[in-house]
mmCIF file of all heavy atoms, coordinates in Angstrom:
data_MODEL
# 
_entry.id   MODEL 
# 
loop_
_atom_site.group_PDB 
_atom_site.id 
_atom_site.type_symbol 
_atom_site.label_atom_id 
_atom_site.label_alt_id 
_atom_site.label_comp_id 
_atom_site.label_asym_id 
_atom_site.label_entity_id 
_atom_site.label_seq_id 
_atom_site.pdbx_PDB_ins_code 
_atom_site.Cartn_x 
_atom_site.Cartn_y 
_atom_site.Cartn_z 
_atom_site.occupancy 
_atom_site.B_iso_or_equiv 
_atom_site.pdbx_formal_charge 
_atom_site.auth_seq_id 
_atom_site.auth_comp_id 
_atom_site.auth_asym_id 
_atom_site.auth_atom_id 
_atom_site.pdbx_PDB_model_num 
ATOM 1   N N   . MET A 1 1  ? -111.634 9.460  -46.556 1.00 0.00 ? 1  MET A N   1 
ATOM 2   C CA  . MET A 1 1  ? -111.807 10.573 -45.614 1.00 0.00 ? 1  MET A CA  1 
ATOM 3   C C   . MET A 1 1  ? -111.782 10.059 -44.171 1.00 0.00 ? 1  MET A C   1 
ATOM 4   O O   . MET A 1 1  ? -111.158 10.676 -43.292 1.00 0.00 ? 1  MET A O   1 
ATOM 5   C CB  . MET A 1 1  ? -113.119 11.300 -45.901 1.00 0.00 ? 1  MET A CB  1 
ATOM 6   C CG  . MET A 1 1  ? -113.136 12.078 -47.207 1.00 0.00 ? 1  MET A CG  1 
ATOM 7   S SD  . MET A 1 1  ? -114.749 12.829 -47.543 1.00 0.00 ? 1  MET A SD  1 
ATOM 8   C CE  . MET A 1 1  ? -114.938 13.885 -46.117 1.00 0.00 ? 1  MET A CE  1 
ATOM 9   N N   . MET A 1 2  ? -112.444 8.950  -43.917 1.00 0.00 ? 2  MET A N   1 
ATOM 10  C CA  . MET A 1 2  ? -112.467 8.393  -42.567 1.00 0.00 ? 2  MET A CA  1 
ATOM 11  C C   . MET A 1 2  ? -111.090 7.882  -42.151 1.00 0.00 ? 2  MET A C   1 
ATOM 12  O O   . MET A 1 2  ? -110.656 8.046  -41.001 1.00 0.00 ? 2  MET A O   1 
ATOM 13  C CB  . MET A 1 2  ? -113.495 7.262  -42.492 1.00 0.00 ? 2  MET A CB  1 
ATOM 14  C CG  . MET A 1 2  ? -114.928 7.715  -42.729 1.00 0.00 ? 2  MET A CG  1 
ATOM 15  S SD  . MET A 1 2  ? -116.113 6.356  -42.750 1.00 0.00 ? 2  MET A SD  1 
ATOM 16  C CE  . MET A 1 2  ? -115.933 5.753  -41.075 1.00 0.00 ? 2  MET A CE  1 
ATOM 17  N N   . ALA A 1 3  ? -110.355 7.275  -43.102 1.00 0.00 ? 3  ALA A N   1 
ATOM 18  C CA  . ALA A 1 3  ? -109.009 6.788  -42.782 1.00 0.00 ? 3  ALA A CA  1 
ATOM 19  C C   . ALA A 1 3  ? -108.047 7.942  -42.549 1.00 0.00 ? 3  ALA A C   1 
ATOM 20  O O   . ALA A 1 3  ? -107.119 7.840  -41.734 1.00 0.00 ? 3  ALA A O   1 
ATOM 21  C CB  . ALA A 1 3  ? -108.515 5.892  -43.910 1.00 0.00 ? 3  ALA A CB  1 
ATOM 22  N N   . ALA A 1 4  ? -108.250 9.041  -43.272 1.00 0.00 ? 4  ALA A N   1 
ATOM 23  C CA  . ALA A 1 4  ? -107.348 10.191 -43.117 1.00 0.00 ? 4  ALA A CA  1 
ATOM 24  C C   . ALA A 1 4  ? -107.456 10.808 -41.729 1.00 0.00 ? 4  ALA A C   1 
ATOM 25  O O   . ALA A 1 4  ? -106.513 11.462 -41.266 1.00 0.00 ? 4  ALA A O   1 
ATOM 26  C CB  . ALA A 1 4  ? -107.659 11.230 -44.190 1.00 0.00 ? 4  ALA A CB  1 
ATOM 27  N N   . ARG A 1 5  ? -108.574 10.622 -41.058 1.00 0.00 ? 5  ARG A N   1 
ATOM 28  C CA  . ARG A 1 5  ? -108.708 11.160 -39.705 1.00 0.00 ? 5  ARG A CA  1 
ATOM 29  C C   . ARG A 1 5  ? -107.806 10.426 -38.714 1.00 0.00 ? 5  ARG A C   1 
ATOM 30  O O   . ARG A 1 5  ? -107.427 10.996 -37.679 1.00 0.00 ? 5  ARG A O   1 
ATOM 31  C CB  . ARG A 1 5  ? -110.159 11.050 -39.247 1.00 0.00 ? 5  ARG A CB  1 
ATOM 32  C CG  . ARG A 1 5  ? -111.130 11.907 -40.043 1.00 0.00 ? 5  ARG A CG  1 
ATOM 33  C CD  . ARG A 1 5  ? -112.544 11.716 -39.511 1.00 0.00 ? 5  ARG A CD  1 
ATOM 34  N NE  . ARG A 1 5  ? -113.510 12.532 -40.250 1.00 0.00 ? 5  ARG A NE  1 
ATOM 35  C CZ  . ARG A 1 5  ? -114.814 12.553 -39.990 1.00 0.00 ? 5  ARG A CZ  1 
ATOM 36  N NH1 . ARG A 1 5  ? -115.299 11.789 -38.995 1.00 0.00 ? 5  ARG A NH1 1 
ATOM 37  N NH2 . ARG A 1 5  ? -115.618 13.313 -40.694 1.00 0.00 ? 5  ARG A NH2 1 
ATOM 38  N N   . GLU A 1 6  ? -107.448 9.183  -39.005 1.00 0.00 ? 6  GLU A N   1 
ATOM 39  C CA  . GLU A 1 6  ? -106.675 8.369  -38.081 1.00 0.00 ? 6  GLU A CA  1 
ATOM 40  C C   . GLU A 1 6  ? -105.175 8.387  -38.378 1.00 0.00 ? 6  GLU A C   1 
ATOM 41  O O   . GLU A 1 6  ? -104.371 8.133  -37.495 1.00 0.00 ? 6  GLU A O   1 
ATOM 42  C CB  . GLU A 1 6  ? -107.184 6.921  -38.118 1.00 0.00 ? 6  GLU A CB  1 
ATOM 43  C CG  . GLU A 1 6  ? -108.655 6.759  -37.808 1.00 0.00 ? 6  GLU A CG  1 
ATOM 44  C CD  . GLU A 1 6  ? -109.012 7.175  -36.405 1.00 0.00 ? 6  GLU A CD  1 
ATOM 45  O OE1 . GLU A 1 6  ? -108.119 7.153  -35.527 1.00 0.00 ? 6  GLU A OE1 1 
ATOM 46  O OE2 . GLU A 1 6  ? -110.182 7.545  -36.174 1.00 0.00 ? 6  GLU A OE2 1 
ATOM 47  N N   . VAL A 1 7  ? -104.823 8.657  -39.640 1.00 0.00 ? 7  VAL A N   1 
ATOM 48  C CA  . VAL A 1 7  ? -103.411 8.630  -40.043 1.00 0.00 ? 7  VAL A CA  1 
ATOM 49  C C   . VAL A 1 7  ? -103.002 10.029 -40.490 1.00 0.00 ? 7  VAL A C   1 
ATOM 50  O O   . VAL A 1 7  ? -103.502 10.516 -41.519 1.00 0.00 ? 7  VAL A O   1 
ATOM 51  C CB  . VAL A 1 7  ? -103.187 7.602  -41.179 1.00 0.00 ? 7  VAL A CB  1 
ATOM 52  C CG1 . VAL A 1 7  ? -101.707 7.555  -41.566 1.00 0.00 ? 7  VAL A CG1 1 
ATOM 53  C CG2 . VAL A 1 7  ? -103.668 6.233  -40.748 1.00 0.00 ? 7  VAL A CG2 1 
ATOM 54  N N   . PRO A 1 8  ? -102.111 10.693 -39.759 1.00 0.00 ? 8  PRO A N   1 
ATOM 55  C CA  . PRO A 1 8  ? -101.728 12.068 -40.126 1.00 0.00 ? 8  PRO A CA  1 
ATOM 56  C C   . PRO A 1 8  ? -101.109 12.156 -41.514 1.00 0.00 ? 8  PRO A C   1 
ATOM 57  O O   . PRO A 1 8  ? -101.362 13.124 -42.253 1.00 0.00 ? 8  PRO A O   1 
ATOM 58  C CB  . PRO A 1 8  ? -100.726 12.454 -39.036 1.00 0.00 ? 8  PRO A CB  1 
ATOM 59  C CG  . PRO A 1 8  ? -101.044 11.552 -37.885 1.00 0.00 ? 8  PRO A CG  1 
ATOM 60  C CD  . PRO A 1 8  ? -101.508 10.268 -38.489 1.00 0.00 ? 8  PRO A CD  1 
ATOM 61  N N   . GLU A 1 9  ? -100.284 11.175 -41.882 1.00 0.00 ? 9  GLU A N   1 
ATOM 62  C CA  . GLU A 1 9  ? -99.644  11.236 -43.194 1.00 0.00 ? 9  GLU A CA  1 
ATOM 63  C C   . GLU A 1 9  ? -100.682 11.183 -44.316 1.00 0.00 ? 9  GLU A C   1 
ATOM 64  O O   . GLU A 1 9  ? -100.581 11.896 -45.320 1.00 0.00 ? 9  GLU A O   1 
ATOM 65  C CB  . GLU A 1 9  ? -98.642  10.084 -43.346 1.00 0.00 ? 9  GLU A CB  1 
ATOM 66  C CG  . GLU A 1 9  ? -97.420  10.186 -42.448 1.00 0.00 ? 9  GLU A CG  1 
ATOM 67  C CD  . GLU A 1 9  ? -97.711  9.739  -41.031 1.00 0.00 ? 9  GLU A CD  1 
ATOM 68  O OE1 . GLU A 1 9  ? -98.861  9.278  -40.782 1.00 0.00 ? 9  GLU A OE1 1 
ATOM 69  O OE2 . GLU A 1 9  ? -96.819  9.852  -40.173 1.00 0.00 ? 9  GLU A OE2 1 
ATOM 70  N N   . LEU A 1 10 ? -101.681 10.331 -44.167 1.00 0.00 ? 10 LEU A N   1 
ATOM 71  C CA  . LEU A 1 10 ? -102.746 10.249 -45.166 1.00 0.00 ? 10 LEU A CA  1 
ATOM 72  C C   . LEU A 1 10 ? -103.599 11.504 -45.159 1.00 0.00 ? 10 LEU A C   1 
ATOM 73  O O   . LEU A 1 10 ? -104.085 11.947 -46.200 1.00 0.00 ? 10 LEU A O   1 
ATOM 74  C CB  . LEU A 1 10 ? -103.619 9.014  -44.897 1.00 0.00 ? 10 LEU A CB  1 
ATOM 75  C CG  . LEU A 1 10 ? -104.760 8.755  -45.896 1.00 0.00 ? 10 LEU A CG  1 
ATOM 76  C CD1 . LEU A 1 10 ? -104.224 8.600  -47.309 1.00 0.00 ? 10 LEU A CD1 1 
ATOM 77  C CD2 . LEU A 1 10 ? -105.555 7.516  -45.481 1.00 0.00 ? 10 LEU A CD2 1 
ATOM 78  N N   . ARG A 1 11 ? -103.758 12.113 -43.976 1.00 0.00 ? 11 ARG A N   1 
ATOM 79  C CA  . ARG A 1 11 ? -104.529 13.346 -43.876 1.00 0.00 ? 11 ARG A CA  1 
ATOM 80  C C   . ARG A 1 11 ? -103.873 14.458 -44.695 1.00 0.00 ? 11 ARG A C   1 
ATOM 81  O O   . ARG A 1 11 ? -104.552 15.241 -45.362 1.00 0.00 ? 11 ARG A O   1 
ATOM 82  C CB  . ARG A 1 11 ? -104.673 13.754 -42.424 1.00 0.00 ? 11 ARG A CB  1 
ATOM 83  C CG  . ARG A 1 11 ? -105.620 14.944 -42.217 1.00 0.00 ? 11 ARG A CG  1 
ATOM 84  C CD  . ARG A 1 11 ? -105.658 15.388 -40.766 1.00 0.00 ? 11 ARG A CD  1 
ATOM 85  N NE  . ARG A 1 11 ? -105.920 14.248 -39.893 1.00 0.00 ? 11 ARG A NE  1 
ATOM 86  C CZ  . ARG A 1 11 ? -105.135 13.909 -38.892 1.00 0.00 ? 11 ARG A CZ  1 
ATOM 87  N NH1 . ARG A 1 11 ? -104.028 14.602 -38.630 1.00 0.00 ? 11 ARG A NH1 1 
ATOM 88  N NH2 . ARG A 1 11 ? -105.419 12.862 -38.134 1.00 0.00 ? 11 ARG A NH2 1 
ATOM 89  N N   . GLU A 1 12 ? -102.552 14.528 -44.649 1.00 0.00 ? 12 GLU A N   1 
ATOM 90  C CA  . GLU A 1 12 ? -101.850 15.564 -45.403 1.00 0.00 ? 12 GLU A CA  1 
ATOM 91  C C   . GLU A 1 12 ? -102.010 15.357 -46.910 1.00 0.00 ? 12 GLU A C   1 
ATOM 92  O O   . GLU A 1 12 ? -102.217 16.308 -47.662 1.00 0.00 ? 12 GLU A O   1 
ATOM 93  C CB  . GLU A 1 12 ? -100.372 15.563 -45.021 1.00 0.00 ? 12 GLU A CB  1 
ATOM 94  C CG  . GLU A 1 12 ? -100.112 15.956 -43.572 1.00 0.00 ? 12 GLU A CG  1 
ATOM 95  C CD  . GLU A 1 12 ? -98.636  15.866 -43.215 1.00 0.00 ? 12 GLU A CD  1 
ATOM 96  O OE1 . GLU A 1 12 ? -97.854  15.524 -44.137 1.00 0.00 ? 12 GLU A OE1 1 
ATOM 97  O OE2 . GLU A 1 12 ? -98.284  16.117 -42.059 1.00 0.00 ? 12 GLU A OE2 1 
ATOM 98  N N   . VAL A 1 13 ? -101.902 14.103 -47.328 1.00 0.00 ? 13 VAL A N   1 
ATOM 99  C CA  . VAL A 1 13 ? -102.067 13.817 -48.760 1.00 0.00 ? 13 VAL A CA  1 
ATOM 100 C C   . VAL A 1 13 ? -103.508 14.068 -49.207 1.00 0.00 ? 13 VAL A C   1 
ATOM 101 O O   . VAL A 1 13 ? -103.764 14.644 -50.269 1.00 0.00 ? 13 VAL A O   1 
ATOM 102 C CB  . VAL A 1 13 ? -101.658 12.361 -49.065 1.00 0.00 ? 13 VAL A CB  1 
ATOM 103 C CG1 . VAL A 1 13 ? -101.908 12.023 -50.531 1.00 0.00 ? 13 VAL A CG1 1 
ATOM 104 C CG2 . VAL A 1 13 ? -100.195 12.141 -48.708 1.00 0.00 ? 13 VAL A CG2 1 
ATOM 105 N N   . TRP A 1 14 ? -104.459 13.630 -48.383 1.00 0.00 ? 14 TRP A N   1 
ATOM 106 C CA  . TRP A 1 14 ? -105.864 13.784 -48.742 1.00 0.00 ? 14 TRP A CA  1 
ATOM 107 C C   . TRP A 1 14 ? -106.277 15.250 -48.783 1.00 0.00 ? 14 TRP A C   1 
ATOM 108 O O   . TRP A 1 14 ? -107.108 15.637 -49.607 1.00 0.00 ? 14 TRP A O   1 
ATOM 109 C CB  . TRP A 1 14 ? -106.723 13.013 -47.755 1.00 0.00 ? 14 TRP A CB  1 
ATOM 110 C CG  . TRP A 1 14 ? -108.196 13.183 -48.009 1.00 0.00 ? 14 TRP A CG  1 
ATOM 111 C CD1 . TRP A 1 14 ? -109.089 13.883 -47.293 1.00 0.00 ? 14 TRP A CD1 1 
ATOM 112 C CD2 . TRP A 1 14 ? -108.932 12.636 -49.113 1.00 0.00 ? 14 TRP A CD2 1 
ATOM 113 N NE1 . TRP A 1 14 ? -110.331 13.820 -47.845 1.00 0.00 ? 14 TRP A NE1 1 
ATOM 114 C CE2 . TRP A 1 14 ? -110.262 13.052 -48.973 1.00 0.00 ? 14 TRP A CE2 1 
ATOM 115 C CE3 . TRP A 1 14 ? -108.580 11.822 -50.191 1.00 0.00 ? 14 TRP A CE3 1 
ATOM 116 C CZ2 . TRP A 1 14 ? -111.245 12.687 -49.877 1.00 0.00 ? 14 TRP A CZ2 1 
ATOM 117 C CZ3 . TRP A 1 14 ? -109.569 11.469 -51.095 1.00 0.00 ? 14 TRP A CZ3 1 
ATOM 118 C CH2 . TRP A 1 14 ? -110.881 11.898 -50.938 1.00 0.00 ? 14 TRP A CH2 1 
ATOM 119 N N   . ALA A 1 15 ? -105.697 16.076 -47.928 1.00 0.00 ? 15 ALA A N   1 
ATOM 120 C CA  . ALA A 1 15 ? -106.049 17.494 -47.910 1.00 0.00 ? 15 ALA A CA  1 
ATOM 121 C C   . ALA A 1 15 ? -105.727 18.170 -49.232 1.00 0.00 ? 15 ALA A C   1 
ATOM 122 O O   . ALA A 1 15 ? -106.400 19.133 -49.632 1.00 0.00 ? 15 ALA A O   1 
ATOM 123 C CB  . ALA A 1 15 ? -105.330 18.199 -46.761 1.00 0.00 ? 15 ALA A CB  1 
ATOM 124 N N   . ASP A 1 16 ? -104.710 17.685 -49.942 1.00 0.00 ? 16 ASP A N   1 
ATOM 125 C CA  . ASP A 1 16 ? -104.317 18.310 -51.207 1.00 0.00 ? 16 ASP A CA  1 
ATOM 126 C C   . ASP A 1 16 ? -105.254 17.948 -52.356 1.00 0.00 ? 16 ASP A C   1 
ATOM 127 O O   . ASP A 1 16 ? -105.403 18.715 -53.310 1.00 0.00 ? 16 ASP A O   1 
ATOM 128 C CB  . ASP A 1 16 ? -102.883 17.900 -51.562 1.00 0.00 ? 16 ASP A CB  1 
ATOM 129 C CG  . ASP A 1 16 ? -101.867 18.439 -50.567 1.00 0.00 ? 16 ASP A CG  1 
ATOM 130 O OD1 . ASP A 1 16 ? -102.164 19.478 -49.942 1.00 0.00 ? 16 ASP A OD1 1 
ATOM 131 O OD2 . ASP A 1 16 ? -100.794 17.812 -50.405 1.00 0.00 ? 16 ASP A OD2 1 
ATOM 132 N N   . ILE A 1 17 ? -105.855 16.782 -52.285 1.00 0.00 ? 17 ILE A N   1 
ATOM 133 C CA  . ILE A 1 17 ? -106.691 16.332 -53.407 1.00 0.00 ? 17 ILE A CA  1 
ATOM 134 C C   . ILE A 1 17 ? -108.179 16.355 -53.104 1.00 0.00 ? 17 ILE A C   1 
ATOM 135 O O   . ILE A 1 17 ? -109.002 16.181 -54.012 1.00 0.00 ? 17 ILE A O   1 
ATOM 136 C CB  . ILE A 1 17 ? -106.281 14.910 -53.843 1.00 0.00 ? 17 ILE A CB  1 
ATOM 137 C CG1 . ILE A 1 17 ? -106.558 13.910 -52.722 1.00 0.00 ? 17 ILE A CG1 1 
ATOM 138 C CG2 . ILE A 1 17 ? -104.828 14.864 -54.263 1.00 0.00 ? 17 ILE A CG2 1 
ATOM 139 C CD1 . ILE A 1 17 ? -106.313 12.469 -53.116 1.00 0.00 ? 17 ILE A CD1 1 
ATOM 140 N N   . ALA A 1 18 ? -108.550 16.547 -51.845 1.00 0.00 ? 18 ALA A N   1 
ATOM 141 C CA  . ALA A 1 18 ? -109.975 16.487 -51.482 1.00 0.00 ? 18 ALA A CA  1 
ATOM 142 C C   . ALA A 1 18 ? -110.776 17.566 -52.180 1.00 0.00 ? 18 ALA A C   1 
ATOM 143 O O   . ALA A 1 18 ? -111.886 17.314 -52.683 1.00 0.00 ? 18 ALA A O   1 
ATOM 144 C CB  . ALA A 1 18 ? -110.130 16.596 -49.967 1.00 0.00 ? 18 ALA A CB  1 
ATOM 145 N N   . SER A 1 19 ? -110.230 18.791 -52.209 1.00 0.00 ? 19 SER A N   1 
ATOM 146 C CA  . SER A 1 19 ? -110.975 19.894 -52.831 1.00 0.00 ? 19 SER A CA  1 
ATOM 147 C C   . SER A 1 19 ? -111.155 19.707 -54.329 1.00 0.00 ? 19 SER A C   1 
ATOM 148 O O   . SER A 1 19 ? -112.033 20.335 -54.936 1.00 0.00 ? 19 SER A O   1 
ATOM 149 C CB  . SER A 1 19 ? -110.244 21.218 -52.563 1.00 0.00 ? 19 SER A CB  1 
ATOM 150 O OG  . SER A 1 19 ? -108.911 21.148 -53.053 1.00 0.00 ? 19 SER A OG  1 
ATOM 151 N N   . PHE A 1 20 ? -110.343 18.842 -54.940 1.00 0.00 ? 20 PHE A N   1 
ATOM 152 C CA  . PHE A 1 20 ? -110.478 18.568 -56.371 1.00 0.00 ? 20 PHE A CA  1 
ATOM 153 C C   . PHE A 1 20 ? -111.396 17.372 -56.631 1.00 0.00 ? 20 PHE A C   1 
ATOM 154 O O   . PHE A 1 20 ? -112.147 17.352 -57.604 1.00 0.00 ? 20 PHE A O   1 
ATOM 155 C CB  . PHE A 1 20 ? -109.088 18.306 -56.970 1.00 0.00 ? 20 PHE A CB  1 
ATOM 156 C CG  . PHE A 1 20 ? -109.094 18.112 -58.463 1.00 0.00 ? 20 PHE A CG  1 
ATOM 157 C CD1 . PHE A 1 20 ? -109.120 19.192 -59.322 1.00 0.00 ? 20 PHE A CD1 1 
ATOM 158 C CD2 . PHE A 1 20 ? -109.086 16.828 -59.005 1.00 0.00 ? 20 PHE A CD2 1 
ATOM 159 C CE1 . PHE A 1 20 ? -109.138 19.010 -60.701 1.00 0.00 ? 20 PHE A CE1 1 
ATOM 160 C CE2 . PHE A 1 20 ? -109.091 16.637 -60.378 1.00 0.00 ? 20 PHE A CE2 1 
ATOM 161 C CZ  . PHE A 1 20 ? -109.113 17.745 -61.219 1.00 0.00 ? 20 PHE A CZ  1 
ATOM 162 N N   . VAL A 1 21 ? -111.324 16.367 -55.730 1.00 0.00 ? 21 VAL A N   1 
ATOM 163 C CA  . VAL A 1 21 ? -112.080 15.133 -55.948 1.00 0.00 ? 21 VAL A CA  1 
ATOM 164 C C   . VAL A 1 21 ? -113.537 15.276 -55.508 1.00 0.00 ? 21 VAL A C   1 
ATOM 165 O O   . VAL A 1 21 ? -114.451 14.782 -56.182 1.00 0.00 ? 21 VAL A O   1 
ATOM 166 C CB  . VAL A 1 21 ? -111.407 13.964 -55.199 1.00 0.00 ? 21 VAL A CB  1 
ATOM 167 C CG1 . VAL A 1 21 ? -112.260 12.699 -55.284 1.00 0.00 ? 21 VAL A CG1 1 
ATOM 168 C CG2 . VAL A 1 21 ? -110.026 13.703 -55.761 1.00 0.00 ? 21 VAL A CG2 1 
ATOM 169 N N   . LEU A 1 22 ? -113.777 15.949 -54.392 1.00 0.00 ? 22 LEU A N   1 
ATOM 170 C CA  . LEU A 1 22 ? -115.138 16.040 -53.855 1.00 0.00 ? 22 LEU A CA  1 
ATOM 171 C C   . LEU A 1 22 ? -116.121 16.686 -54.835 1.00 0.00 ? 22 LEU A C   1 
ATOM 172 O O   . LEU A 1 22 ? -117.244 16.178 -55.007 1.00 0.00 ? 22 LEU A O   1 
ATOM 173 C CB  . LEU A 1 22 ? -115.117 16.788 -52.520 1.00 0.00 ? 22 LEU A CB  1 
ATOM 174 C CG  . LEU A 1 22 ? -114.512 16.014 -51.343 1.00 0.00 ? 22 LEU A CG  1 
ATOM 175 C CD1 . LEU A 1 22 ? -114.509 16.876 -50.085 1.00 0.00 ? 22 LEU A CD1 1 
ATOM 176 C CD2 . LEU A 1 22 ? -115.273 14.726 -51.092 1.00 0.00 ? 22 LEU A CD2 1 
ATOM 177 N N   . PRO A 1 23 ? -115.781 17.821 -55.495 1.00 0.00 ? 23 PRO A N   1 
ATOM 178 C CA  . PRO A 1 23 ? -116.738 18.357 -56.482 1.00 0.00 ? 23 PRO A CA  1 
ATOM 179 C C   . PRO A 1 23 ? -117.041 17.381 -57.614 1.00 0.00 ? 23 PRO A C   1 
ATOM 180 O O   . PRO A 1 23 ? -118.182 17.317 -58.090 1.00 0.00 ? 23 PRO A O   1 
ATOM 181 C CB  . PRO A 1 23 ? -116.028 19.617 -57.004 1.00 0.00 ? 23 PRO A CB  1 
ATOM 182 C CG  . PRO A 1 23 ? -115.085 20.002 -55.927 1.00 0.00 ? 23 PRO A CG  1 
ATOM 183 C CD  . PRO A 1 23 ? -114.626 18.719 -55.324 1.00 0.00 ? 23 PRO A CD  1 
ATOM 184 N N   . ALA A 1 24 ? -116.032 16.616 -58.048 1.00 0.00 ? 24 ALA A N   1 
ATOM 185 C CA  . ALA A 1 24 ? -116.267 15.642 -59.113 1.00 0.00 ? 24 ALA A CA  1 
ATOM 186 C C   . ALA A 1 24 ? -117.238 14.559 -58.663 1.00 0.00 ? 24 ALA A C   1 
ATOM 187 O O   . ALA A 1 24 ? -118.135 14.150 -59.414 1.00 0.00 ? 24 ALA A O   1 
ATOM 188 C CB  . ALA A 1 24 ? -114.939 15.031 -59.553 1.00 0.00 ? 24 ALA A CB  1 
# 
């Protein structure tokens, strides 16, 4: 999450899986 704030490409990828991974 912290790295995604600095890299836009990683932010886009993380946005798709964050809502699935965080509840787990």
